[in-house]
PDB file of all heavy atoms in Angstrom:
ATOM      1  N   ARG A   1     -11.712  -7.691   8.797  1.00  0.00           N
ATOM      2  CA  ARG A   1     -12.045  -6.493   9.565  1.00  0.00           C
ATOM      3  C   ARG A   1     -12.107  -6.869  11.049  1.00  0.00           C
ATOM      4  O   ARG A   1     -12.680  -7.882  11.412  1.00  0.00           O
ATOM      5  CB  ARG A   1     -13.401  -5.941   9.118  1.00  0.00           C
ATOM      6  CG  ARG A   1     -13.867  -4.709   9.859  1.00  0.00           C
ATOM      7  CD  ARG A   1     -15.203  -4.192   9.343  1.00  0.00           C
ATOM      8  NE  ARG A   1     -15.208  -4.024   7.900  1.00  0.00           N
ATOM      9  CZ  ARG A   1     -14.706  -2.980   7.242  1.00  0.00           C
ATOM     10  NH1 ARG A   1     -14.133  -2.006   7.911  1.00  0.00           N
ATOM     11  NH2 ARG A   1     -14.780  -2.918   5.921  1.00  0.00           N
ATOM     12  N   CYS A   2     -11.518  -6.003  11.891  1.00  0.00           N
ATOM     13  CA  CYS A   2     -11.551  -6.222  13.326  1.00  0.00           C
ATOM     14  C   CYS A   2     -12.916  -5.813  13.873  1.00  0.00           C
ATOM     15  O   CYS A   2     -13.442  -4.752  13.538  1.00  0.00           O
ATOM     16  CB  CYS A   2     -10.458  -5.411  14.019  1.00  0.00           C
ATOM     17  SG  CYS A   2     -10.472  -5.617  15.819  1.00  0.00           S
ATOM     18  N   ARG A   3     -13.470  -6.638  14.727  1.00  0.00           N
ATOM     19  CA  ARG A   3     -14.774  -6.334  15.325  1.00  0.00           C
ATOM     20  C   ARG A   3     -14.646  -5.351  16.481  1.00  0.00           C
ATOM     21  O   ARG A   3     -15.652  -4.800  16.920  1.00  0.00           O
ATOM     22  CB  ARG A   3     -15.447  -7.617  15.788  1.00  0.00           C
ATOM     23  CG  ARG A   3     -15.840  -8.484  14.609  1.00  0.00           C
ATOM     24  CD  ARG A   3     -16.735  -9.602  15.009  1.00  0.00           C
ATOM     25  NE  ARG A   3     -17.158 -10.343  13.816  1.00  0.00           N
ATOM     26  CZ  ARG A   3     -17.691 -11.526  13.851  1.00  0.00           C
ATOM     27  NH1 ARG A   3     -17.879 -12.129  14.997  1.00  0.00           N
ATOM     28  NH2 ARG A   3     -18.053 -12.122  12.727  1.00  0.00           N
ATOM     29  N   SER A   4     -13.421  -5.108  16.946  1.00  0.00           N
ATOM     30  CA  SER A   4     -13.226  -4.168  18.056  1.00  0.00           C
ATOM     31  C   SER A   4     -12.831  -2.770  17.580  1.00  0.00           C
ATOM     32  O   SER A   4     -13.433  -1.785  17.973  1.00  0.00           O
ATOM     33  CB  SER A   4     -12.156  -4.686  19.012  1.00  0.00           C
ATOM     34  OG  SER A   4     -12.544  -5.908  19.583  1.00  0.00           O
ATOM     35  N   CYS A   5     -11.809  -2.686  16.727  1.00  0.00           N
ATOM     36  CA  CYS A   5     -11.276  -1.372  16.330  1.00  0.00           C
ATOM     37  C   CYS A   5     -11.546  -1.014  14.868  1.00  0.00           C
ATOM     38  O   CYS A   5     -11.148   0.041  14.408  1.00  0.00           O
ATOM     39  CB  CYS A   5      -9.782  -1.295  16.618  1.00  0.00           C
ATOM     40  SG  CYS A   5      -8.734  -2.270  15.505  1.00  0.00           S
ATOM     41  N   SER A   6     -12.176  -1.915  14.112  1.00  0.00           N
ATOM     42  CA  SER A   6     -12.521  -1.726  12.693  1.00  0.00           C
ATOM     43  C   SER A   6     -11.312  -1.670  11.760  1.00  0.00           C
ATOM     44  O   SER A   6     -11.448  -1.270  10.604  1.00  0.00           O
ATOM     45  CB  SER A   6     -13.394  -0.490  12.496  1.00  0.00           C
ATOM     46  OG  SER A   6     -14.623  -0.672  13.157  1.00  0.00           O
ATOM     47  N   HIS A   7     -10.131  -2.057  12.230  1.00  0.00           N
ATOM     48  CA  HIS A   7      -8.952  -2.150  11.352  1.00  0.00           C
ATOM     49  C   HIS A   7      -9.259  -3.150  10.252  1.00  0.00           C
ATOM     50  O   HIS A   7      -9.854  -4.202  10.495  1.00  0.00           O
ATOM     51  CB  HIS A   7      -7.730  -2.597  12.154  1.00  0.00           C
ATOM     52  CG  HIS A   7      -6.553  -2.942  11.305  1.00  0.00           C
ATOM     53  ND1 HIS A   7      -5.796  -2.001  10.657  1.00  0.00           N
ATOM     54  CD2 HIS A   7      -5.998  -4.149  10.989  1.00  0.00           C
ATOM     55  CE1 HIS A   7      -4.827  -2.597   9.979  1.00  0.00           C
ATOM     56  NE2 HIS A   7      -4.927  -3.899  10.172  1.00  0.00           N
ATOM     57  N   THR A   8      -8.864  -2.843   9.007  1.00  0.00           N
ATOM     58  CA  THR A   8      -9.064  -3.766   7.892  1.00  0.00           C
ATOM     59  C   THR A   8      -7.741  -4.043   7.194  1.00  0.00           C
ATOM     60  O   THR A   8      -6.827  -3.216   7.214  1.00  0.00           O
ATOM     61  CB  THR A   8     -10.060  -3.209   6.843  1.00  0.00           C
ATOM     62  OG1 THR A   8      -9.518  -2.012   6.277  1.00  0.00           O
ATOM     63  CG2 THR A   8     -11.415  -2.945   7.451  1.00  0.00           C
ATOM     64  N   ASP A   9      -7.668  -5.220   6.581  1.00  0.00           N
ATOM     65  CA  ASP A   9      -6.503  -5.562   5.779  1.00  0.00           C
ATOM     66  C   ASP A   9      -6.872  -6.763   4.916  1.00  0.00           C
ATOM     67  O   ASP A   9      -7.826  -7.482   5.204  1.00  0.00           O
ATOM     68  CB  ASP A   9      -5.296  -5.913   6.649  1.00  0.00           C
ATOM     69  CG  ASP A   9      -3.978  -5.814   5.895  1.00  0.00           C
ATOM     70  OD1 ASP A   9      -3.986  -5.513   4.673  1.00  0.00           O
ATOM     71  OD2 ASP A   9      -2.938  -6.043   6.520  1.00  0.00           O
ATOM     72  N   TRP A  10      -6.110  -6.944   3.840  1.00  0.00           N
ATOM     73  CA  TRP A  10      -6.252  -8.106   2.981  1.00  0.00           C
ATOM     74  C   TRP A  10      -5.313  -9.190   3.482  1.00  0.00           C
ATOM     75  O   TRP A  10      -4.143  -8.929   3.752  1.00  0.00           O
ATOM     76  CB  TRP A  10      -5.900  -7.747   1.538  1.00  0.00           C
ATOM     77  CG  TRP A  10      -6.908  -6.846   0.919  1.00  0.00           C
ATOM     78  CD1 TRP A  10      -6.833  -5.494   0.815  1.00  0.00           C
ATOM     79  CD2 TRP A  10      -8.151  -7.228   0.335  1.00  0.00           C
ATOM     80  NE1 TRP A  10      -7.961  -5.002   0.188  1.00  0.00           N
ATOM     81  CE2 TRP A  10      -8.783  -6.050  -0.127  1.00  0.00           C
ATOM     82  CE3 TRP A  10      -8.795  -8.447   0.140  1.00  0.00           C
ATOM     83  CZ2 TRP A  10     -10.021  -6.071  -0.750  1.00  0.00           C
ATOM     84  CZ3 TRP A  10     -10.021  -8.456  -0.488  1.00  0.00           C
ATOM     85  CH2 TRP A  10     -10.618  -7.277  -0.926  1.00  0.00           C
ATOM     86  N   ILE A  11      -5.830 -10.418   3.618  1.00  0.00           N
ATOM     87  CA  ILE A  11      -5.030 -11.545   4.096  1.00  0.00           C
ATOM     88  C   ILE A  11      -4.899 -12.558   2.961  1.00  0.00           C
ATOM     89  O   ILE A  11      -5.886 -12.979   2.363  1.00  0.00           O
ATOM     90  CB  ILE A  11      -5.700 -12.206   5.323  1.00  0.00           C
ATOM     91  CG1 ILE A  11      -5.994 -11.168   6.418  1.00  0.00           C
ATOM     92  CG2 ILE A  11      -4.840 -13.343   5.848  1.00  0.00           C
ATOM     93  CD1 ILE A  11      -4.788 -10.476   6.988  1.00  0.00           C
ATOM     94  N   GLU A  12      -3.666 -12.955   2.679  1.00  0.00           N
ATOM     95  CA  GLU A  12      -3.386 -13.861   1.566  1.00  0.00           C
ATOM     96  C   GLU A  12      -3.855 -15.283   1.877  1.00  0.00           C
ATOM     97  O   GLU A  12      -3.838 -15.727   3.029  1.00  0.00           O
ATOM     98  CB  GLU A  12      -1.887 -13.865   1.273  1.00  0.00           C
ATOM     99  CG  GLU A  12      -1.520 -14.532  -0.015  1.00  0.00           C
ATOM    100  CD  GLU A  12      -0.055 -14.334  -0.376  1.00  0.00           C
ATOM    101  OE1 GLU A  12       0.730 -13.833   0.447  1.00  0.00           O
ATOM    102  OE2 GLU A  12       0.297 -14.699  -1.512  1.00  0.00           O
ATOM    103  N   ASP A  13      -4.239 -16.013   0.834  1.00  0.00           N
ATOM    104  CA  ASP A  13      -4.774 -17.369   1.003  1.00  0.00           C
ATOM    105  C   ASP A  13      -3.815 -18.304   1.724  1.00  0.00           C
ATOM    106  O   ASP A  13      -4.254 -19.196   2.448  1.00  0.00           O
ATOM    107  CB  ASP A  13      -5.230 -17.972  -0.318  1.00  0.00           C
ATOM    108  CG  ASP A  13      -4.140 -18.073  -1.381  1.00  0.00           C
ATOM    109  OD1 ASP A  13      -2.978 -17.715  -1.123  1.00  0.00           O
ATOM    110  OD2 ASP A  13      -4.476 -18.496  -2.503  1.00  0.00           O
ATOM    111  N   ILE A  14      -2.516 -18.096   1.589  1.00  0.00           N
ATOM    112  CA  ILE A  14      -1.562 -18.978   2.271  1.00  0.00           C
ATOM    113  C   ILE A  14      -1.707 -18.861   3.796  1.00  0.00           C
ATOM    114  O   ILE A  14      -1.528 -19.834   4.522  1.00  0.00           O
ATOM    115  CB  ILE A  14      -0.108 -18.706   1.810  1.00  0.00           C
ATOM    116  CG1 ILE A  14       0.811 -19.818   2.265  1.00  0.00           C
ATOM    117  CG2 ILE A  14       0.380 -17.350   2.285  1.00  0.00           C
ATOM    118  CD1 ILE A  14       2.174 -19.795   1.628  1.00  0.00           C
ATOM    119  N   VAL A  15      -2.087 -17.701   4.291  1.00  0.00           N
ATOM    120  CA  VAL A  15      -2.328 -17.510   5.722  1.00  0.00           C
ATOM    121  C   VAL A  15      -3.680 -18.097   6.097  1.00  0.00           C
ATOM    122  O   VAL A  15      -3.808 -18.838   7.085  1.00  0.00           O
ATOM    123  CB  VAL A  15      -2.266 -16.010   6.107  1.00  0.00           C
ATOM    124  CG1 VAL A  15      -2.656 -15.805   7.563  1.00  0.00           C
ATOM    125  CG2 VAL A  15      -0.894 -15.442   5.813  1.00  0.00           C
ATOM    126  N   VAL A  16      -4.701 -17.778   5.315  1.00  0.00           N
ATOM    127  CA  VAL A  16      -6.055 -18.267   5.601  1.00  0.00           C
ATOM    128  C   VAL A  16      -6.079 -19.794   5.594  1.00  0.00           C
ATOM    129  O   VAL A  16      -6.699 -20.419   6.460  1.00  0.00           O
ATOM    130  CB  VAL A  16      -7.064 -17.684   4.580  1.00  0.00           C
ATOM    131  CG1 VAL A  16      -8.427 -18.317   4.730  1.00  0.00           C
ATOM    132  CG2 VAL A  16      -7.151 -16.165   4.744  1.00  0.00           C
ATOM    133  N   ASP A  17      -5.381 -20.411   4.641  1.00  0.00           N
ATOM    134  CA  ASP A  17      -5.371 -21.870   4.526  1.00  0.00           C
ATOM    135  C   ASP A  17      -4.596 -22.548   5.654  1.00  0.00           C
ATOM    136  O   ASP A  17      -4.744 -23.751   5.876  1.00  0.00           O
ATOM    137  CB  ASP A  17      -4.777 -22.303   3.191  1.00  0.00           C
ATOM    138  CG  ASP A  17      -5.653 -21.907   2.015  1.00  0.00           C
ATOM    139  OD1 ASP A  17      -6.839 -21.572   2.231  1.00  0.00           O
ATOM    140  OD2 ASP A  17      -5.151 -21.922   0.877  1.00  0.00           O
ATOM    141  N   ALA A  18      -3.767 -21.797   6.387  1.00  0.00           N
ATOM    142  CA  ALA A  18      -2.940 -22.376   7.445  1.00  0.00           C
ATOM    143  C   ALA A  18      -3.708 -22.597   8.747  1.00  0.00           C
ATOM    144  O   ALA A  18      -3.223 -23.292   9.631  1.00  0.00           O
ATOM    145  CB  ALA A  18      -1.729 -21.481   7.710  1.00  0.00           C
ATOM    146  N   PHE A  19      -4.907 -22.021   8.871  1.00  0.00           N
ATOM    147  CA  PHE A  19      -5.682 -22.122  10.099  1.00  0.00           C
ATOM    148  C   PHE A  19      -7.003 -22.828   9.824  1.00  0.00           C
ATOM    149  O   PHE A  19      -7.557 -22.705   8.737  1.00  0.00           O
ATOM    150  CB  PHE A  19      -5.945 -20.729  10.680  1.00  0.00           C
ATOM    151  CG  PHE A  19      -4.705 -20.025  11.106  1.00  0.00           C
ATOM    152  CD1 PHE A  19      -4.049 -19.156  10.242  1.00  0.00           C
ATOM    153  CD2 PHE A  19      -4.163 -20.235  12.363  1.00  0.00           C
ATOM    154  CE1 PHE A  19      -2.886 -18.509  10.623  1.00  0.00           C
ATOM    155  CE2 PHE A  19      -2.994 -19.595  12.755  1.00  0.00           C
ATOM    156  CZ  PHE A  19      -2.357 -18.731  11.884  1.00  0.00           C
ATOM    157  N   PRO A  20      -7.542 -23.534  10.820  1.00  0.00           N
ATOM    158  CA  PRO A  20      -8.806 -24.237  10.590  1.00  0.00           C
ATOM    159  C   PRO A  20      -9.976 -23.255  10.451  1.00  0.00           C
ATOM    160  O   PRO A  20     -10.018 -22.233  11.129  1.00  0.00           O
ATOM    161  CB  PRO A  20      -8.971 -25.099  11.844  1.00  0.00           C
ATOM    162  CG  PRO A  20      -8.148 -24.426  12.888  1.00  0.00           C
ATOM    163  CD  PRO A  20      -7.015 -23.748  12.157  1.00  0.00           C
ATOM    164  N   PRO A  21     -10.915 -23.565   9.557  1.00  0.00           N
ATOM    165  CA  PRO A  21     -12.077 -22.680   9.399  1.00  0.00           C
ATOM    166  C   PRO A  21     -12.985 -22.754  10.619  1.00  0.00           C
ATOM    167  O   PRO A  21     -13.238 -23.820  11.154  1.00  0.00           O
ATOM    168  CB  PRO A  21     -12.771 -23.229   8.157  1.00  0.00           C
ATOM    169  CG  PRO A  21     -12.308 -24.635   8.027  1.00  0.00           C
ATOM    170  CD  PRO A  21     -10.947 -24.694   8.649  1.00  0.00           C
ATOM    171  N   VAL A  22     -13.440 -21.601  11.084  1.00  0.00           N
ATOM    172  CA  VAL A  22     -14.360 -21.557  12.225  1.00  0.00           C
ATOM    173  C   VAL A  22     -15.614 -20.749  11.908  1.00  0.00           C
ATOM    174  O   VAL A  22     -16.605 -20.857  12.598  1.00  0.00           O
ATOM    175  CB  VAL A  22     -13.691 -20.978  13.489  1.00  0.00           C
ATOM    176  CG1 VAL A  22     -12.574 -21.880  13.971  1.00  0.00           C
ATOM    177  CG2 VAL A  22     -13.177 -19.579  13.261  1.00  0.00           C
ATOM    178  N   GLU A  23     -15.566 -19.950  10.875  1.00  0.00           N
ATOM    179  CA  GLU A  23     -16.729 -19.152  10.514  1.00  0.00           C
ATOM    180  C   GLU A  23     -17.602 -19.926   9.538  1.00  0.00           C
ATOM    181  O   GLU A  23     -17.124 -20.819   8.836  1.00  0.00           O
ATOM    182  CB  GLU A  23     -16.278 -17.836   9.877  1.00  0.00           C
ATOM    183  CG  GLU A  23     -15.535 -16.937  10.849  1.00  0.00           C
ATOM    184  CD  GLU A  23     -15.332 -15.551  10.295  1.00  0.00           C
ATOM    185  OE1 GLU A  23     -16.333 -14.934   9.888  1.00  0.00           O
ATOM    186  OE2 GLU A  23     -14.189 -15.102  10.266  1.00  0.00           O
ATOM    187  N   PRO A  24     -18.887 -19.585   9.450  1.00  0.00           N
ATOM    188  CA  PRO A  24     -19.774 -20.280   8.510  1.00  0.00           C
ATOM    189  C   PRO A  24     -19.285 -20.220   7.059  1.00  0.00           C
ATOM    190  O   PRO A  24     -19.578 -21.114   6.278  1.00  0.00           O
ATOM    191  CB  PRO A  24     -21.102 -19.536   8.658  1.00  0.00           C
ATOM    192  CG  PRO A  24     -21.044 -18.880   9.983  1.00  0.00           C
ATOM    193  CD  PRO A  24     -19.585 -18.603  10.245  1.00  0.00           C
ATOM    194  N   GLU A  25     -18.533 -19.196   6.708  1.00  0.00           N
ATOM    195  CA  GLU A  25     -18.024 -19.059   5.342  1.00  0.00           C
ATOM    196  C   GLU A  25     -16.836 -19.968   5.075  1.00  0.00           C
ATOM    197  O   GLU A  25     -16.311 -20.005   3.970  1.00  0.00           O
ATOM    198  CB  GLU A  25     -17.620 -17.598   5.065  1.00  0.00           C
ATOM    199  CG  GLU A  25     -18.756 -16.614   5.173  1.00  0.00           C
ATOM    200  CD  GLU A  25     -19.060 -16.198   6.609  1.00  0.00           C
ATOM    201  OE1 GLU A  25     -18.184 -16.328   7.499  1.00  0.00           O
ATOM    202  OE2 GLU A  25     -20.184 -15.743   6.854  1.00  0.00           O
ATOM    203  N   GLY A  26     -16.375 -20.692   6.089  1.00  0.00           N
ATOM    204  CA  GLY A  26     -15.257 -21.601   5.909  1.00  0.00           C
ATOM    205  C   GLY A  26     -13.893 -20.941   5.994  1.00  0.00           C
ATOM    206  O   GLY A  26     -12.923 -21.456   5.466  1.00  0.00           O
ATOM    207  N   VAL A  27     -13.806 -19.786   6.634  1.00  0.00           N
ATOM    208  CA  VAL A  27     -12.528 -19.095   6.807  1.00  0.00           C
ATOM    209  C   VAL A  27     -12.213 -18.993   8.296  1.00  0.00           C
ATOM    210  O   VAL A  27     -13.109 -19.004   9.136  1.00  0.00           O
ATOM    211  CB  VAL A  27     -12.541 -17.688   6.150  1.00  0.00           C
ATOM    212  CG1 VAL A  27     -12.646 -17.799   4.650  1.00  0.00           C
ATOM    213  CG2 VAL A  27     -13.661 -16.838   6.693  1.00  0.00           C
ATOM    214  N   PRO A  28     -10.936 -18.888   8.647  1.00  0.00           N
ATOM    215  CA  PRO A  28     -10.573 -18.824  10.060  1.00  0.00           C
ATOM    216  C   PRO A  28     -10.759 -17.432  10.653  1.00  0.00           C
ATOM    217  O   PRO A  28     -10.754 -16.433   9.945  1.00  0.00           O
ATOM    218  CB  PRO A  28      -9.089 -19.200  10.061  1.00  0.00           C
ATOM    219  CG  PRO A  28      -8.602 -18.743   8.731  1.00  0.00           C
ATOM    220  CD  PRO A  28      -9.762 -18.958   7.784  1.00  0.00           C
TER     221      PRO A  28
END
């Protein structure tokens, strides 16, 4: 979810795994 415009979408694990985790939940 976007913190500015509230746009939402599902992101596949192959994309999530391609970037380093920065959030406490371990996702980018």
